[in-house]
């Protein structure tokens, strides 16, 4: 189940109640839209099997990918697949856990699995649990971090305007250390 939990950015999440806590897709979409973040759901035009290749996945979502490319100027799309068997999973997790920004929108569509986007927005931190069928588009320069968990399991379509792909500019702020990790919120996915 996708979810949105929002805290004040100075909050002690273990002691204070969240400002927003919902699993309603419409409420998630509306809240994020207020902050310029797109959140929507896609359905494949054809079945996507667990062992699908990058080409098969991109073909299944071709209509949606092409529409985003045209609307927002993306030049490339690829597929990232990460499992708990990946030998560099901990290093990759650490890379994404620090607050950062990008010079372009960060667009991720979850073909399978799940992950936690954490967005630092106007004095608040929004924890967005994304799973299969969720598309999130974090605007350029929006402060955020991503937690895939200690045992990652996801496949995502990524879209880029920069041919170099994912390039982060780290803010140096330690705020990500003050908020829950994937494992601490994973129970919400099971709800």
C-alpha atoms as a PDB file:
ATOM      1  CA  UNK A   1       0.000   0.000   0.000  1.00  0.00           C
ATOM      2  CA  UNK A   2       1.348   3.443  -0.925  1.00  0.00           C
ATOM      3  CA  UNK A   3       1.384   5.937   1.930  1.00  0.00           C
ATOM      4  CA  UNK A   4       2.192   9.492   2.904  1.00  0.00           C
ATOM      5  CA  UNK A   5       3.331  10.511   6.381  1.00  0.00           C
ATOM      6  CA  UNK A   6       4.296  14.135   7.043  1.00  0.00           C
ATOM      7  CA  UNK A   7       6.154  15.580  10.035  1.00  0.00           C
ATOM      8  CA  UNK A   8       7.447  19.036  10.862  1.00  0.00           C
ATOM      9  CA  UNK A   9      11.103  19.023   9.834  1.00  0.00           C
ATOM     10  CA  UNK A  10      12.170  19.676  13.434  1.00  0.00           C
ATOM     11  CA  UNK A  11       9.887  16.963  14.872  1.00  0.00           C
ATOM     12  CA  UNK A  12      10.937  13.955  16.884  1.00  0.00           C
ATOM     13  CA  UNK A  13       8.963  11.431  14.863  1.00  0.00           C
ATOM     14  CA  UNK A  14       9.130   8.904  17.714  1.00  0.00           C
ATOM     15  CA  UNK A  15       7.442  11.304  20.140  1.00  0.00           C
ATOM     16  CA  UNK A  16       5.220  13.482  17.972  1.00  0.00           C
ATOM     17  CA  UNK A  17       2.177  12.570  15.932  1.00  0.00           C
ATOM     18  CA  UNK A  18       2.456  13.131  12.184  1.00  0.00           C
ATOM     19  CA  UNK A  19       0.757  16.156  10.635  1.00  0.00           C
ATOM     20  CA  UNK A  20      -0.568  13.920   7.821  1.00  0.00           C
ATOM     21  CA  UNK A  21      -0.794  10.130   7.729  1.00  0.00           C
ATOM     22  CA  UNK A  22      -2.745   8.557   4.877  1.00  0.00           C
ATOM     23  CA  UNK A  23      -2.854   5.617   2.502  1.00  0.00           C
ATOM     24  CA  UNK A  24      -5.531   7.200   0.309  1.00  0.00           C
ATOM     25  CA  UNK A  25      -4.046   7.611  -3.198  1.00  0.00           C
ATOM     26  CA  UNK A  26      -6.148  10.711  -3.948  1.00  0.00           C
ATOM     27  CA  UNK A  27      -5.070  12.395  -0.709  1.00  0.00           C
ATOM     28  CA  UNK A  28      -1.411  11.529  -1.402  1.00  0.00           C
ATOM     29  CA  UNK A  29      -1.682  12.915  -4.917  1.00  0.00           C
ATOM     30  CA  UNK A  30      -3.395  16.120  -3.759  1.00  0.00           C
ATOM     31  CA  UNK A  31      -0.908  16.829  -0.946  1.00  0.00           C
ATOM     32  CA  UNK A  32       2.118  16.258  -3.162  1.00  0.00           C
ATOM     33  CA  UNK A  33       0.613  18.320  -6.011  1.00  0.00           C
ATOM     34  CA  UNK A  34       0.421  21.296  -3.614  1.00  0.00           C
ATOM     35  CA  UNK A  35       4.231  21.074  -3.497  1.00  0.00           C
ATOM     36  CA  UNK A  36       4.765  20.606  -7.235  1.00  0.00           C
ATOM     37  CA  UNK A  37       5.305  16.858  -7.026  1.00  0.00           C
ATOM     38  CA  UNK A  38       3.510  14.544  -9.420  1.00  0.00           C
ATOM     39  CA  UNK A  39       2.254  11.262  -8.004  1.00  0.00           C
ATOM     40  CA  UNK A  40       0.159   8.999 -10.159  1.00  0.00           C
ATOM     41  CA  UNK A  41      -0.430   5.342 -10.991  1.00  0.00           C
ATOM     42  CA  UNK A  42       0.251   3.568 -14.288  1.00  0.00           C
ATOM     43  CA  UNK A  43      -1.058   0.277 -15.606  1.00  0.00           C
ATOM     44  CA  UNK A  44       0.920  -1.749 -18.152  1.00  0.00           C
ATOM     45  CA  UNK A  45      -0.524  -2.076 -21.638  1.00  0.00           C
ATOM     46  CA  UNK A  46       0.628  -5.710 -21.592  1.00  0.00           C
ATOM     47  CA  UNK A  47       1.594  -8.169 -18.838  1.00  0.00           C
ATOM     48  CA  UNK A  48       5.006  -7.622 -17.234  1.00  0.00           C
ATOM     49  CA  UNK A  49       6.581 -10.788 -15.840  1.00  0.00           C
ATOM     50  CA  UNK A  50       9.031 -10.845 -12.922  1.00  0.00           C
ATOM     51  CA  UNK A  51      11.903 -11.810 -15.228  1.00  0.00           C
ATOM     52  CA  UNK A  52      11.068  -9.235 -17.938  1.00  0.00           C
ATOM     53  CA  UNK A  53      13.978  -7.571 -19.689  1.00  0.00           C
ATOM     54  CA  UNK A  54      14.518  -3.827 -19.806  1.00  0.00           C
ATOM     55  CA  UNK A  55      13.205  -3.794 -23.390  1.00  0.00           C
ATOM     56  CA  UNK A  56      10.054  -5.708 -22.416  1.00  0.00           C
ATOM     57  CA  UNK A  57       9.377  -3.382 -19.486  1.00  0.00           C
ATOM     58  CA  UNK A  58       9.877  -0.255 -21.572  1.00  0.00           C
ATOM     59  CA  UNK A  59       7.611  -1.704 -24.278  1.00  0.00           C
ATOM     60  CA  UNK A  60       4.873  -2.401 -21.723  1.00  0.00           C
ATOM     61  CA  UNK A  61       4.918   1.249 -20.597  1.00  0.00           C
ATOM     62  CA  UNK A  62       5.852   2.800 -23.940  1.00  0.00           C
ATOM     63  CA  UNK A  63       2.730   4.950 -24.264  1.00  0.00           C
ATOM     64  CA  UNK A  64       3.204   6.478 -20.806  1.00  0.00           C
ATOM     65  CA  UNK A  65       6.974   6.910 -21.217  1.00  0.00           C
ATOM     66  CA  UNK A  66       6.582   8.595 -24.613  1.00  0.00           C
ATOM     67  CA  UNK A  67       3.929  10.942 -23.226  1.00  0.00           C
ATOM     68  CA  UNK A  68       6.275  12.010 -20.391  1.00  0.00           C
ATOM     69  CA  UNK A  69       9.165  12.446 -22.802  1.00  0.00           C
ATOM     70  CA  UNK A  70       7.080  14.740 -24.984  1.00  0.00           C
ATOM     71  CA  UNK A  71       5.514  16.688 -22.139  1.00  0.00           C
ATOM     72  CA  UNK A  72       8.645  17.219 -20.053  1.00  0.00           C
ATOM     73  CA  UNK A  73      11.560  16.924 -22.469  1.00  0.00           C
ATOM     74  CA  UNK A  74      13.074  13.701 -21.199  1.00  0.00           C
ATOM     75  CA  UNK A  75      15.547  12.215 -23.655  1.00  0.00           C
ATOM     76  CA  UNK A  76      16.201   8.769 -22.188  1.00  0.00           C
ATOM     77  CA  UNK A  77      14.459   6.081 -20.193  1.00  0.00           C
ATOM     78  CA  UNK A  78      15.989   3.027 -18.589  1.00  0.00           C
ATOM     79  CA  UNK A  79      15.162   0.357 -16.040  1.00  0.00           C
ATOM     80  CA  UNK A  80      16.936  -0.223 -12.751  1.00  0.00           C
ATOM     81  CA  UNK A  81      16.485  -3.563 -11.023  1.00  0.00           C
ATOM     82  CA  UNK A  82      17.933  -4.048  -7.553  1.00  0.00           C
ATOM     83  CA  UNK A  83      17.587  -7.081  -5.328  1.00  0.00           C
ATOM     84  CA  UNK A  84      18.808  -8.130  -1.914  1.00  0.00           C
ATOM     85  CA  UNK A  85      21.397 -10.331  -3.679  1.00  0.00           C
ATOM     86  CA  UNK A  86      23.188  -7.310  -5.186  1.00  0.00           C
ATOM     87  CA  UNK A  87      26.783  -7.285  -3.851  1.00  0.00           C
ATOM     88  CA  UNK A  88      26.871  -3.473  -3.516  1.00  0.00           C
ATOM     89  CA  UNK A  89      23.410  -3.000  -2.032  1.00  0.00           C
ATOM     90  CA  UNK A  90      24.654  -1.310   1.161  1.00  0.00           C
ATOM     91  CA  UNK A  91      26.902   1.138  -0.703  1.00  0.00           C
ATOM     92  CA  UNK A  92      24.078   1.983  -3.087  1.00  0.00           C
ATOM     93  CA  UNK A  93      21.682   2.507  -0.194  1.00  0.00           C
ATOM     94  CA  UNK A  94      24.105   4.860   1.546  1.00  0.00           C
ATOM     95  CA  UNK A  95      24.543   6.870  -1.657  1.00  0.00           C
ATOM     96  CA  UNK A  96      20.830   7.730  -1.771  1.00  0.00           C
ATOM     97  CA  UNK A  97      20.278   8.273   1.990  1.00  0.00           C
ATOM     98  CA  UNK A  98      21.804  11.749   2.276  1.00  0.00           C
ATOM     99  CA  UNK A  99      19.684  14.794   1.429  1.00  0.00           C
ATOM    100  CA  UNK A 100      20.355  15.981  -2.111  1.00  0.00           C
ATOM    101  CA  UNK A 101      18.934  17.838  -5.078  1.00  0.00           C
ATOM    102  CA  UNK A 102      19.167  17.395  -8.843  1.00  0.00           C
ATOM    103  CA  UNK A 103      19.334  19.808 -11.749  1.00  0.00           C
ATOM    104  CA  UNK A 104      16.466  17.906 -13.393  1.00  0.00           C
ATOM    105  CA  UNK A 105      13.280  16.225 -12.202  1.00  0.00           C
ATOM    106  CA  UNK A 106      13.780  12.800 -10.632  1.00  0.00           C
ATOM    107  CA  UNK A 107      11.133  10.545 -12.139  1.00  0.00           C
ATOM    108  CA  UNK A 108      10.672   6.983 -10.927  1.00  0.00           C
ATOM    109  CA  UNK A 109       7.982   4.515 -11.850  1.00  0.00           C
ATOM    110  CA  UNK A 110       7.798   1.371  -9.709  1.00  0.00           C
ATOM    111  CA  UNK A 111       7.244  -1.653 -11.947  1.00  0.00           C
ATOM    112  CA  UNK A 112       7.632  -3.878  -8.887  1.00  0.00           C
ATOM    113  CA  UNK A 113       8.835  -3.688  -5.311  1.00  0.00           C
ATOM    114  CA  UNK A 114       8.861  -0.605  -3.134  1.00  0.00           C
ATOM    115  CA  UNK A 115      10.913   2.280  -1.795  1.00  0.00           C
ATOM    116  CA  UNK A 116      10.681   5.319   0.455  1.00  0.00           C
ATOM    117  CA  UNK A 117      11.058   8.838  -0.942  1.00  0.00           C
ATOM    118  CA  UNK A 118      11.626  11.467   1.752  1.00  0.00           C
ATOM    119  CA  UNK A 119      10.940  15.041   0.681  1.00  0.00           C
ATOM    120  CA  UNK A 120      12.080  18.120   2.634  1.00  0.00           C
ATOM    121  CA  UNK A 121       9.337  20.615   1.805  1.00  0.00           C
ATOM    122  CA  UNK A 122       8.745  24.043   3.341  1.00  0.00           C
ATOM    123  CA  UNK A 123       9.474  23.151   6.970  1.00  0.00           C
ATOM    124  CA  UNK A 124       8.115  19.631   6.682  1.00  0.00           C
ATOM    125  CA  UNK A 125       9.376  16.155   5.794  1.00  0.00           C
ATOM    126  CA  UNK A 126       7.026  14.024   3.706  1.00  0.00           C
ATOM    127  CA  UNK A 127       7.685  10.282   3.733  1.00  0.00           C
ATOM    128  CA  UNK A 128       6.204   8.793   0.556  1.00  0.00           C
ATOM    129  CA  UNK A 129       6.020   5.013   0.412  1.00  0.00           C
ATOM    130  CA  UNK A 130       5.977   4.026  -3.250  1.00  0.00           C
ATOM    131  CA  UNK A 131       5.212   0.577  -4.617  1.00  0.00           C
ATOM    132  CA  UNK A 132       4.170  -1.220  -7.778  1.00  0.00           C
ATOM    133  CA  UNK A 133       2.272   1.056 -10.223  1.00  0.00           C
ATOM    134  CA  UNK A 134       3.364   4.300  -8.479  1.00  0.00           C
ATOM    135  CA  UNK A 135       5.038   7.091 -10.417  1.00  0.00           C
ATOM    136  CA  UNK A 136       6.642   9.950  -8.536  1.00  0.00           C
ATOM    137  CA  UNK A 137       8.244  13.000 -10.122  1.00  0.00           C
ATOM    138  CA  UNK A 138      10.359  15.054  -7.729  1.00  0.00           C
ATOM    139  CA  UNK A 139      11.051  18.510  -9.198  1.00  0.00           C
ATOM    140  CA  UNK A 140      14.574  19.720  -9.870  1.00  0.00           C
ATOM    141  CA  UNK A 141      16.081  21.416  -6.804  1.00  0.00           C
ATOM    142  CA  UNK A 142      13.604  19.742  -4.387  1.00  0.00           C
ATOM    143  CA  UNK A 143      15.518  18.508  -1.342  1.00  0.00           C
ATOM    144  CA  UNK A 144      15.014  14.792  -0.811  1.00  0.00           C
ATOM    145  CA  UNK A 145      16.540  11.390  -0.126  1.00  0.00           C
ATOM    146  CA  UNK A 146      15.575   7.832  -1.017  1.00  0.00           C
ATOM    147  CA  UNK A 147      15.657   4.687   1.102  1.00  0.00           C
ATOM    148  CA  UNK A 148      15.436   1.326  -0.614  1.00  0.00           C
ATOM    149  CA  UNK A 149      15.928  -0.613   2.599  1.00  0.00           C
ATOM    150  CA  UNK A 150      18.684  -2.964   3.729  1.00  0.00           C
ATOM    151  CA  UNK A 151      17.239  -5.762   1.584  1.00  0.00           C
ATOM    152  CA  UNK A 152      16.144  -3.902  -1.571  1.00  0.00           C
ATOM    153  CA  UNK A 153      13.678  -5.437  -3.987  1.00  0.00           C
ATOM    154  CA  UNK A 154      12.462  -3.163  -6.745  1.00  0.00           C
ATOM    155  CA  UNK A 155      12.353  -2.512 -10.462  1.00  0.00           C
ATOM    156  CA  UNK A 156      11.890   1.084 -11.628  1.00  0.00           C
ATOM    157  CA  UNK A 157      11.655   2.919 -14.913  1.00  0.00           C
ATOM    158  CA  UNK A 158      13.765   6.087 -14.764  1.00  0.00           C
ATOM    159  CA  UNK A 159      13.520   9.060 -17.121  1.00  0.00           C
ATOM    160  CA  UNK A 160      16.277  11.619 -17.691  1.00  0.00           C
ATOM    161  CA  UNK A 161      16.942  14.842 -19.579  1.00  0.00           C
ATOM    162  CA  UNK A 162      20.660  14.633 -18.756  1.00  0.00           C
ATOM    163  CA  UNK A 163      22.367  11.876 -20.778  1.00  0.00           C
ATOM    164  CA  UNK A 164      24.670  11.254 -17.784  1.00  0.00           C
ATOM    165  CA  UNK A 165      21.671   9.984 -15.800  1.00  0.00           C
ATOM    166  CA  UNK A 166      21.427  10.327 -12.018  1.00  0.00           C
ATOM    167  CA  UNK A 167      23.612  13.203 -10.782  1.00  0.00           C
ATOM    168  CA  UNK A 168      23.123  14.388  -7.198  1.00  0.00           C
ATOM    169  CA  UNK A 169      24.210  17.585  -5.490  1.00  0.00           C
ATOM    170  CA  UNK A 170      24.353  16.822  -1.763  1.00  0.00           C
ATOM    171  CA  UNK A 171      23.153  19.577   0.574  1.00  0.00           C
ATOM    172  CA  UNK A 172      25.305  18.603   3.556  1.00  0.00           C
ATOM    173  CA  UNK A 173      22.242  18.786   5.837  1.00  0.00           C
ATOM    174  CA  UNK A 174      22.022  15.812   8.232  1.00  0.00           C
ATOM    175  CA  UNK A 175      18.205  15.938   8.376  1.00  0.00           C
ATOM    176  CA  UNK A 176      17.847  12.476   6.843  1.00  0.00           C
ATOM    177  CA  UNK A 177      19.454  11.003   9.956  1.00  0.00           C
ATOM    178  CA  UNK A 178      16.577  12.335  12.118  1.00  0.00           C
ATOM    179  CA  UNK A 179      13.772  10.506  10.305  1.00  0.00           C
ATOM    180  CA  UNK A 180      12.743   6.854  10.094  1.00  0.00           C
ATOM    181  CA  UNK A 181      14.374   4.433   7.718  1.00  0.00           C
ATOM    182  CA  UNK A 182      12.605   2.068   5.362  1.00  0.00           C
ATOM    183  CA  UNK A 183      12.557  -0.740   7.925  1.00  0.00           C
ATOM    184  CA  UNK A 184      10.812   1.474  10.475  1.00  0.00           C
ATOM    185  CA  UNK A 185       7.934   2.284   8.140  1.00  0.00           C
ATOM    186  CA  UNK A 186       7.786  -0.986   6.165  1.00  0.00           C
ATOM    187  CA  UNK A 187       4.795  -2.228   8.150  1.00  0.00           C
ATOM    188  CA  UNK A 188       2.691   0.441   6.400  1.00  0.00           C
ATOM    189  CA  UNK A 189       3.294  -1.341   3.099  1.00  0.00           C
ATOM    190  CA  UNK A 190       1.685  -4.459   4.545  1.00  0.00           C
ATOM    191  CA  UNK A 191      -1.483  -2.631   5.623  1.00  0.00           C
END
